[in-house]
């Protein structure tokens, strides 16, 4: 029955030899989680991240951000597919062994359960890493949009304030009544009123867009925290399964010594 344990495809053997691949995936997942947690901290505002994104090195990377996003996406999808295939192959092999119980040994069953646990663990880690990659990409987009909205809002406020100050100076300098002022400066007053109305409408639209972006960002933060909680739960379940497998292995070794 050991034939089923080693009769896998060459691709599986290749990934099996490259044990560092799964360590790289885990390190990539931890890096993603660290960056996401860093971005949702309240200590750094969207303007701070906007200044960080304007660094020359970051701008050079952002010019090809779409390429890098698709590249890592394809790599993670390939690794996820390989992990899923490993789970399926090991499950089929384990079912084949169970069909011949008279030839199955305790250590063989423990070996297959251990390998199935590792394959499922790699599948969960890769899938979660792929999910966090989408979250990180969306979070960066929302932060950039929020920074642009904030800058546009500040510019609109400054324009409205300057227009209001100019109108106020004009009214203060004039010692005539409103009717006389309109008679003396009809074009200037009308132009200032039109400009003030336009700036007021623009400010209201920018404020609404800013509120929508802020709500989207808060929703994404809540989803990220829920995802981290789910990941902790899956990790605890994996640790429990690993402990049970170790108990099975120790039990198999004891039975072997007794025989």
C-alpha atoms as a PDB file:
ATOM      1  CA  UNK A   1       0.000   0.000   0.000  1.00  0.00           C
ATOM      2  CA  UNK A   2       2.985   2.298   0.116  1.00  0.00           C
ATOM      3  CA  UNK A   3       2.505   2.668  -3.635  1.00  0.00           C
ATOM      4  CA  UNK A   4      -0.403   5.032  -3.035  1.00  0.00           C
ATOM      5  CA  UNK A   5       1.729   7.172  -0.778  1.00  0.00           C
ATOM      6  CA  UNK A   6       4.319   7.961  -3.420  1.00  0.00           C
ATOM      7  CA  UNK A   7       2.480   7.507  -6.734  1.00  0.00           C
ATOM      8  CA  UNK A   8       1.735  11.207  -7.232  1.00  0.00           C
ATOM      9  CA  UNK A   9       2.261  13.438 -10.233  1.00  0.00           C
ATOM     10  CA  UNK A  10       5.679  15.018 -11.007  1.00  0.00           C
ATOM     11  CA  UNK A  11       4.249  18.437 -10.182  1.00  0.00           C
ATOM     12  CA  UNK A  12       3.358  17.304  -6.690  1.00  0.00           C
ATOM     13  CA  UNK A  13       6.825  15.855  -6.239  1.00  0.00           C
ATOM     14  CA  UNK A  14       8.302  19.164  -7.377  1.00  0.00           C
ATOM     15  CA  UNK A  15       6.295  21.141  -4.835  1.00  0.00           C
ATOM     16  CA  UNK A  16       7.019  18.566  -2.192  1.00  0.00           C
ATOM     17  CA  UNK A  17      10.744  19.059  -2.638  1.00  0.00           C
ATOM     18  CA  UNK A  18      10.370  22.842  -2.519  1.00  0.00           C
ATOM     19  CA  UNK A  19       9.314  23.026   1.111  1.00  0.00           C
ATOM     20  CA  UNK A  20      10.421  26.643   1.159  1.00  0.00           C
ATOM     21  CA  UNK A  21       7.457  27.488  -1.078  1.00  0.00           C
ATOM     22  CA  UNK A  22       4.973  27.115   1.762  1.00  0.00           C
ATOM     23  CA  UNK A  23       7.244  29.063   4.103  1.00  0.00           C
ATOM     24  CA  UNK A  24       7.272  31.861   1.522  1.00  0.00           C
ATOM     25  CA  UNK A  25       3.463  31.780   1.302  1.00  0.00           C
ATOM     26  CA  UNK A  26       3.178  31.989   5.101  1.00  0.00           C
ATOM     27  CA  UNK A  27       5.667  34.874   5.223  1.00  0.00           C
ATOM     28  CA  UNK A  28       3.702  36.625   2.464  1.00  0.00           C
ATOM     29  CA  UNK A  29       0.479  36.164   4.447  1.00  0.00           C
ATOM     30  CA  UNK A  30       2.019  37.601   7.606  1.00  0.00           C
ATOM     31  CA  UNK A  31       3.365  40.552   5.603  1.00  0.00           C
ATOM     32  CA  UNK A  32      -0.095  41.210   4.155  1.00  0.00           C
ATOM     33  CA  UNK A  33      -1.721  41.100   7.586  1.00  0.00           C
ATOM     34  CA  UNK A  34       0.922  43.444   9.012  1.00  0.00           C
ATOM     35  CA  UNK A  35       0.402  45.983   6.214  1.00  0.00           C
ATOM     36  CA  UNK A  36      -3.399  45.796   6.520  1.00  0.00           C
ATOM     37  CA  UNK A  37      -3.278  46.288  10.285  1.00  0.00           C
ATOM     38  CA  UNK A  38      -0.845  49.155   9.815  1.00  0.00           C
ATOM     39  CA  UNK A  39      -3.196  50.844   7.344  1.00  0.00           C
ATOM     40  CA  UNK A  40      -6.291  50.584   9.522  1.00  0.00           C
ATOM     41  CA  UNK A  41      -4.580  52.021  12.599  1.00  0.00           C
ATOM     42  CA  UNK A  42      -6.041  55.423  13.544  1.00  0.00           C
ATOM     43  CA  UNK A  43      -2.575  56.906  14.097  1.00  0.00           C
ATOM     44  CA  UNK A  44      -1.969  57.336  10.354  1.00  0.00           C
ATOM     45  CA  UNK A  45      -4.398  59.456   8.356  1.00  0.00           C
ATOM     46  CA  UNK A  46      -5.101  59.149   4.653  1.00  0.00           C
ATOM     47  CA  UNK A  47      -3.022  62.297   4.040  1.00  0.00           C
ATOM     48  CA  UNK A  48      -0.035  60.590   5.678  1.00  0.00           C
ATOM     49  CA  UNK A  49      -0.414  57.575   3.420  1.00  0.00           C
ATOM     50  CA  UNK A  50      -0.830  59.902   0.438  1.00  0.00           C
ATOM     51  CA  UNK A  51       2.519  61.530   1.233  1.00  0.00           C
ATOM     52  CA  UNK A  52       4.061  58.079   1.615  1.00  0.00           C
ATOM     53  CA  UNK A  53       2.695  56.993  -1.772  1.00  0.00           C
ATOM     54  CA  UNK A  54       4.263  60.095  -3.367  1.00  0.00           C
ATOM     55  CA  UNK A  55       7.816  58.936  -2.631  1.00  0.00           C
ATOM     56  CA  UNK A  56       9.857  58.378  -5.775  1.00  0.00           C
ATOM     57  CA  UNK A  57      10.395  54.676  -5.105  1.00  0.00           C
ATOM     58  CA  UNK A  58       6.720  54.080  -4.326  1.00  0.00           C
ATOM     59  CA  UNK A  59       5.662  56.002  -7.439  1.00  0.00           C
ATOM     60  CA  UNK A  60       7.930  53.862  -9.618  1.00  0.00           C
ATOM     61  CA  UNK A  61       6.347  50.756  -8.138  1.00  0.00           C
ATOM     62  CA  UNK A  62       2.821  52.172  -8.429  1.00  0.00           C
ATOM     63  CA  UNK A  63       3.352  52.798 -12.144  1.00  0.00           C
ATOM     64  CA  UNK A  64       3.387  49.012 -12.556  1.00  0.00           C
ATOM     65  CA  UNK A  65       1.015  48.249  -9.682  1.00  0.00           C
ATOM     66  CA  UNK A  66      -1.492  46.593 -11.994  1.00  0.00           C
ATOM     67  CA  UNK A  67       1.203  44.280 -13.341  1.00  0.00           C
ATOM     68  CA  UNK A  68       2.448  43.333  -9.861  1.00  0.00           C
ATOM     69  CA  UNK A  69      -1.098  42.788  -8.601  1.00  0.00           C
ATOM     70  CA  UNK A  70      -1.898  40.411 -11.458  1.00  0.00           C
ATOM     71  CA  UNK A  71       1.465  38.665 -11.126  1.00  0.00           C
ATOM     72  CA  UNK A  72       1.012  37.891  -7.424  1.00  0.00           C
ATOM     73  CA  UNK A  73      -2.632  37.042  -8.078  1.00  0.00           C
ATOM     74  CA  UNK A  74      -1.684  34.435 -10.692  1.00  0.00           C
ATOM     75  CA  UNK A  75       1.030  33.015  -8.428  1.00  0.00           C
ATOM     76  CA  UNK A  76      -1.338  32.687  -5.471  1.00  0.00           C
ATOM     77  CA  UNK A  77      -4.040  31.112  -7.633  1.00  0.00           C
ATOM     78  CA  UNK A  78      -1.527  28.558  -8.957  1.00  0.00           C
ATOM     79  CA  UNK A  79      -0.335  27.710  -5.452  1.00  0.00           C
ATOM     80  CA  UNK A  80      -3.957  27.483  -4.253  1.00  0.00           C
ATOM     81  CA  UNK A  81      -4.818  25.122  -7.105  1.00  0.00           C
ATOM     82  CA  UNK A  82      -1.796  22.961  -6.292  1.00  0.00           C
ATOM     83  CA  UNK A  83      -2.735  22.856  -2.607  1.00  0.00           C
ATOM     84  CA  UNK A  84      -6.302  21.852  -3.492  1.00  0.00           C
ATOM     85  CA  UNK A  85      -4.993  19.154  -5.829  1.00  0.00           C
ATOM     86  CA  UNK A  86      -2.750  17.814  -3.066  1.00  0.00           C
ATOM     87  CA  UNK A  87      -5.736  17.542  -0.734  1.00  0.00           C
ATOM     88  CA  UNK A  88      -7.736  15.691  -3.380  1.00  0.00           C
ATOM     89  CA  UNK A  89      -4.886  13.289  -4.258  1.00  0.00           C
ATOM     90  CA  UNK A  90      -4.166  12.454  -0.634  1.00  0.00           C
ATOM     91  CA  UNK A  91      -7.848  11.923   0.099  1.00  0.00           C
ATOM     92  CA  UNK A  92      -8.193   9.576  -2.855  1.00  0.00           C
ATOM     93  CA  UNK A  93      -5.094   7.662  -1.772  1.00  0.00           C
ATOM     94  CA  UNK A  94      -6.367   7.419   1.812  1.00  0.00           C
ATOM     95  CA  UNK A  95      -9.743   6.127   0.622  1.00  0.00           C
ATOM     96  CA  UNK A  96      -7.953   3.533  -1.519  1.00  0.00           C
ATOM     97  CA  UNK A  97      -6.025   2.346   1.522  1.00  0.00           C
ATOM     98  CA  UNK A  98      -9.205   2.129   3.597  1.00  0.00           C
ATOM     99  CA  UNK A  99     -10.680  -0.167   0.936  1.00  0.00           C
ATOM    100  CA  UNK A 100      -7.970  -2.719   1.889  1.00  0.00           C
ATOM    101  CA  UNK A 101      -8.113  -2.753   5.708  1.00  0.00           C
ATOM    102  CA  UNK A 102      -6.279  -6.070   5.963  1.00  0.00           C
ATOM    103  CA  UNK A 103      -3.188  -4.474   4.409  1.00  0.00           C
ATOM    104  CA  UNK A 104      -3.361  -1.158   6.308  1.00  0.00           C
ATOM    105  CA  UNK A 105      -1.049  -0.588   9.239  1.00  0.00           C
ATOM    106  CA  UNK A 106      -1.491   1.966  12.054  1.00  0.00           C
ATOM    107  CA  UNK A 107       1.641   3.871  11.086  1.00  0.00           C
ATOM    108  CA  UNK A 108       0.452   4.062   7.462  1.00  0.00           C
ATOM    109  CA  UNK A 109      -2.872   5.599   8.507  1.00  0.00           C
ATOM    110  CA  UNK A 110      -1.080   8.088  10.775  1.00  0.00           C
ATOM    111  CA  UNK A 111       1.233   9.020   7.911  1.00  0.00           C
ATOM    112  CA  UNK A 112      -1.665   9.710   5.561  1.00  0.00           C
ATOM    113  CA  UNK A 113      -3.596  11.684   8.167  1.00  0.00           C
ATOM    114  CA  UNK A 114      -0.522  13.797   8.859  1.00  0.00           C
ATOM    115  CA  UNK A 115      -0.025  14.518   5.162  1.00  0.00           C
ATOM    116  CA  UNK A 116      -3.699  15.319   4.698  1.00  0.00           C
ATOM    117  CA  UNK A 117      -3.516  17.727   7.625  1.00  0.00           C
ATOM    118  CA  UNK A 118      -0.498  19.480   6.115  1.00  0.00           C
ATOM    119  CA  UNK A 119      -2.161  19.686   2.699  1.00  0.00           C
ATOM    120  CA  UNK A 120      -5.343  21.163   4.191  1.00  0.00           C
ATOM    121  CA  UNK A 121      -3.295  23.600   6.257  1.00  0.00           C
ATOM    122  CA  UNK A 122      -1.437  24.770   3.139  1.00  0.00           C
ATOM    123  CA  UNK A 123      -4.759  25.133   1.318  1.00  0.00           C
ATOM    124  CA  UNK A 124      -6.268  27.304   4.086  1.00  0.00           C
ATOM    125  CA  UNK A 125      -3.146  29.462   4.364  1.00  0.00           C
ATOM    126  CA  UNK A 126      -2.953  30.029   0.606  1.00  0.00           C
ATOM    127  CA  UNK A 127      -6.673  30.780   0.311  1.00  0.00           C
ATOM    128  CA  UNK A 128      -6.568  33.244   3.169  1.00  0.00           C
ATOM    129  CA  UNK A 129      -3.472  34.891   1.675  1.00  0.00           C
ATOM    130  CA  UNK A 130      -5.316  35.302  -1.636  1.00  0.00           C
ATOM    131  CA  UNK A 131      -8.307  36.847   0.142  1.00  0.00           C
ATOM    132  CA  UNK A 132      -6.136  39.301   2.119  1.00  0.00           C
ATOM    133  CA  UNK A 133      -4.392  40.261  -1.144  1.00  0.00           C
ATOM    134  CA  UNK A 134      -7.737  41.484  -2.538  1.00  0.00           C
ATOM    135  CA  UNK A 135      -8.480  43.274   0.757  1.00  0.00           C
ATOM    136  CA  UNK A 136      -5.091  44.997   0.677  1.00  0.00           C
ATOM    137  CA  UNK A 137      -5.548  46.112  -2.933  1.00  0.00           C
ATOM    138  CA  UNK A 138      -9.002  47.534  -2.163  1.00  0.00           C
ATOM    139  CA  UNK A 139      -7.762  49.225   1.013  1.00  0.00           C
ATOM    140  CA  UNK A 140      -4.962  51.011  -0.847  1.00  0.00           C
ATOM    141  CA  UNK A 141      -7.470  52.213  -3.462  1.00  0.00           C
ATOM    142  CA  UNK A 142      -9.841  53.545  -0.792  1.00  0.00           C
ATOM    143  CA  UNK A 143      -7.038  55.341   1.036  1.00  0.00           C
ATOM    144  CA  UNK A 144      -5.889  56.991  -2.195  1.00  0.00           C
ATOM    145  CA  UNK A 145      -9.431  58.067  -3.077  1.00  0.00           C
ATOM    146  CA  UNK A 146     -10.007  59.352   0.454  1.00  0.00           C
ATOM    147  CA  UNK A 147      -6.800  61.413   0.310  1.00  0.00           C
ATOM    148  CA  UNK A 148      -7.809  62.907  -3.048  1.00  0.00           C
ATOM    149  CA  UNK A 149     -11.277  63.751  -1.731  1.00  0.00           C
ATOM    150  CA  UNK A 150      -9.796  65.400   1.356  1.00  0.00           C
ATOM    151  CA  UNK A 151      -7.394  67.483  -0.738  1.00  0.00           C
ATOM    152  CA  UNK A 152     -10.208  68.523  -3.085  1.00  0.00           C
ATOM    153  CA  UNK A 153     -12.384  69.401  -0.088  1.00  0.00           C
ATOM    154  CA  UNK A 154      -9.661  71.583   1.431  1.00  0.00           C
ATOM    155  CA  UNK A 155      -9.101  73.341  -1.898  1.00  0.00           C
ATOM    156  CA  UNK A 156     -12.828  74.025  -2.244  1.00  0.00           C
ATOM    157  CA  UNK A 157     -12.982  75.393   1.302  1.00  0.00           C
ATOM    158  CA  UNK A 158     -10.040  77.721   0.626  1.00  0.00           C
ATOM    159  CA  UNK A 159     -11.635  78.953  -2.604  1.00  0.00           C
ATOM    160  CA  UNK A 160     -14.936  79.575  -0.838  1.00  0.00           C
ATOM    161  CA  UNK A 161     -13.190  81.380   2.001  1.00  0.00           C
ATOM    162  CA  UNK A 162     -11.206  83.594  -0.379  1.00  0.00           C
ATOM    163  CA  UNK A 163     -14.326  84.438  -2.369  1.00  0.00           C
ATOM    164  CA  UNK A 164     -16.238  85.218   0.824  1.00  0.00           C
ATOM    165  CA  UNK A 165     -13.393  87.378   2.126  1.00  0.00           C
ATOM    166  CA  UNK A 166     -13.238  89.293  -1.158  1.00  0.00           C
ATOM    167  CA  UNK A 167     -16.976  89.885  -1.096  1.00  0.00           C
ATOM    168  CA  UNK A 168     -16.830  90.949   2.539  1.00  0.00           C
ATOM    169  CA  UNK A 169     -14.012  93.403   1.842  1.00  0.00           C
ATOM    170  CA  UNK A 170     -15.964  94.839  -1.037  1.00  0.00           C
ATOM    171  CA  UNK A 171     -19.040  95.277   1.134  1.00  0.00           C
ATOM    172  CA  UNK A 172     -17.026  96.772   3.996  1.00  0.00           C
ATOM    173  CA  UNK A 173     -15.297  99.277   1.748  1.00  0.00           C
ATOM    174  CA  UNK A 174     -18.579 100.382   0.290  1.00  0.00           C
ATOM    175  CA  UNK A 175     -20.484 102.826   2.504  1.00  0.00           C
ATOM    176  CA  UNK A 176     -23.545 102.895   0.407  1.00  0.00           C
ATOM    177  CA  UNK A 177     -26.673 100.838   0.760  1.00  0.00           C
ATOM    178  CA  UNK A 178     -27.211  97.507  -0.884  1.00  0.00           C
ATOM    179  CA  UNK A 179     -29.277  99.072  -3.601  1.00  0.00           C
ATOM    180  CA  UNK A 180     -26.656 101.705  -4.284  1.00  0.00           C
ATOM    181  CA  UNK A 181     -23.939  99.078  -4.262  1.00  0.00           C
ATOM    182  CA  UNK A 182     -25.795  97.012  -6.793  1.00  0.00           C
ATOM    183  CA  UNK A 183     -26.248 100.096  -8.921  1.00  0.00           C
ATOM    184  CA  UNK A 184     -22.545 100.960  -8.730  1.00  0.00           C
ATOM    185  CA  UNK A 185     -21.071  97.436  -8.980  1.00  0.00           C
ATOM    186  CA  UNK A 186     -23.782  95.342 -10.635  1.00  0.00           C
ATOM    187  CA  UNK A 187     -21.473  93.083 -12.616  1.00  0.00           C
ATOM    188  CA  UNK A 188     -19.012  92.506  -9.757  1.00  0.00           C
ATOM    189  CA  UNK A 189     -21.698  91.649  -7.202  1.00  0.00           C
ATOM    190  CA  UNK A 190     -23.510  89.285  -9.547  1.00  0.00           C
ATOM    191  CA  UNK A 191     -20.238  87.589 -10.482  1.00  0.00           C
ATOM    192  CA  UNK A 192     -19.339  87.129  -6.817  1.00  0.00           C
ATOM    193  CA  UNK A 193     -22.784  85.733  -6.032  1.00  0.00           C
ATOM    194  CA  UNK A 194     -22.566  83.261  -8.907  1.00  0.00           C
ATOM    195  CA  UNK A 195     -19.076  82.188  -7.884  1.00  0.00           C
ATOM    196  CA  UNK A 196     -20.148  81.791  -4.261  1.00  0.00           C
ATOM    197  CA  UNK A 197     -23.162  79.679  -5.286  1.00  0.00           C
ATOM    198  CA  UNK A 198     -20.987  77.446  -7.486  1.00  0.00           C
ATOM    199  CA  UNK A 199     -18.408  76.982  -4.754  1.00  0.00           C
ATOM    200  CA  UNK A 200     -21.139  76.182  -2.236  1.00  0.00           C
ATOM    201  CA  UNK A 201     -22.576  73.472  -4.505  1.00  0.00           C
ATOM    202  CA  UNK A 202     -19.109  72.075  -5.158  1.00  0.00           C
ATOM    203  CA  UNK A 203     -18.345  72.017  -1.459  1.00  0.00           C
ATOM    204  CA  UNK A 204     -21.585  70.141  -0.710  1.00  0.00           C
ATOM    205  CA  UNK A 205     -20.861  67.525  -3.401  1.00  0.00           C
ATOM    206  CA  UNK A 206     -17.300  67.061  -2.152  1.00  0.00           C
ATOM    207  CA  UNK A 207     -18.585  66.670   1.402  1.00  0.00           C
ATOM    208  CA  UNK A 208     -21.050  63.961   0.327  1.00  0.00           C
ATOM    209  CA  UNK A 209     -18.346  62.094  -1.612  1.00  0.00           C
ATOM    210  CA  UNK A 210     -16.030  62.359   1.383  1.00  0.00           C
ATOM    211  CA  UNK A 211     -18.666  60.862   3.672  1.00  0.00           C
ATOM    212  CA  UNK A 212     -19.301  57.961   1.262  1.00  0.00           C
ATOM    213  CA  UNK A 213     -15.600  57.174   1.034  1.00  0.00           C
ATOM    214  CA  UNK A 214     -15.281  57.335   4.807  1.00  0.00           C
ATOM    215  CA  UNK A 215     -18.175  54.886   5.225  1.00  0.00           C
ATOM    216  CA  UNK A 216     -16.604  52.464   2.720  1.00  0.00           C
ATOM    217  CA  UNK A 217     -13.308  52.645   4.601  1.00  0.00           C
ATOM    218  CA  UNK A 218     -14.988  51.930   7.943  1.00  0.00           C
ATOM    219  CA  UNK A 219     -16.849  48.961   6.433  1.00  0.00           C
ATOM    220  CA  UNK A 220     -13.614  47.537   5.036  1.00  0.00           C
ATOM    221  CA  UNK A 221     -11.912  47.931   8.419  1.00  0.00           C
ATOM    222  CA  UNK A 222     -14.707  45.963  10.114  1.00  0.00           C
ATOM    223  CA  UNK A 223     -14.493  43.215   7.471  1.00  0.00           C
ATOM    224  CA  UNK A 224     -10.721  43.013   7.955  1.00  0.00           C
ATOM    225  CA  UNK A 225     -11.067  42.607  11.724  1.00  0.00           C
ATOM    226  CA  UNK A 226     -13.684  39.872  11.211  1.00  0.00           C
ATOM    227  CA  UNK A 227     -11.359  38.115   8.768  1.00  0.00           C
ATOM    228  CA  UNK A 228      -8.492  38.198  11.266  1.00  0.00           C
ATOM    229  CA  UNK A 229     -10.770  36.696  13.924  1.00  0.00           C
ATOM    230  CA  UNK A 230     -11.784  33.902  11.544  1.00  0.00           C
ATOM    231  CA  UNK A 231      -8.130  33.235  10.734  1.00  0.00           C
ATOM    232  CA  UNK A 232      -7.331  32.887  14.440  1.00  0.00           C
ATOM    233  CA  UNK A 233     -10.173  30.400  14.793  1.00  0.00           C
ATOM    234  CA  UNK A 234      -8.945  28.327  11.833  1.00  0.00           C
ATOM    235  CA  UNK A 235      -5.416  28.389  13.281  1.00  0.00           C
ATOM    236  CA  UNK A 236      -6.694  27.053  16.605  1.00  0.00           C
ATOM    237  CA  UNK A 237      -8.595  24.287  14.806  1.00  0.00           C
ATOM    238  CA  UNK A 238      -5.414  23.358  12.899  1.00  0.00           C
ATOM    239  CA  UNK A 239      -3.457  23.199  16.159  1.00  0.00           C
ATOM    240  CA  UNK A 240      -6.099  20.916  17.673  1.00  0.00           C
ATOM    241  CA  UNK A 241      -5.940  18.615  14.617  1.00  0.00           C
ATOM    242  CA  UNK A 242      -2.149  18.573  14.771  1.00  0.00           C
ATOM    243  CA  UNK A 243      -2.312  17.589  18.447  1.00  0.00           C
ATOM    244  CA  UNK A 244      -4.713  14.752  17.613  1.00  0.00           C
ATOM    245  CA  UNK A 245      -2.405  13.570  14.830  1.00  0.00           C
ATOM    246  CA  UNK A 246       0.528  13.555  17.211  1.00  0.00           C
ATOM    247  CA  UNK A 247      -1.528  11.455  19.620  1.00  0.00           C
ATOM    248  CA  UNK A 248      -2.355   9.049  16.775  1.00  0.00           C
ATOM    249  CA  UNK A 249       1.300   8.830  15.798  1.00  0.00           C
ATOM    250  CA  UNK A 250       2.356   8.132  19.373  1.00  0.00           C
ATOM    251  CA  UNK A 251      -0.387   5.497  19.635  1.00  0.00           C
ATOM    252  CA  UNK A 252       0.768   3.896  16.372  1.00  0.00           C
ATOM    253  CA  UNK A 253       4.350   3.749  17.579  1.00  0.00           C
ATOM    254  CA  UNK A 254       3.217   2.101  20.833  1.00  0.00           C
ATOM    255  CA  UNK A 255       1.241  -0.542  18.934  1.00  0.00           C
ATOM    256  CA  UNK A 256       4.220  -1.218  16.708  1.00  0.00           C
ATOM    257  CA  UNK A 257       6.472  -1.777  19.723  1.00  0.00           C
ATOM    258  CA  UNK A 258       3.864  -4.049  21.302  1.00  0.00           C
ATOM    259  CA  UNK A 259       3.791  -6.210  18.114  1.00  0.00           C
END
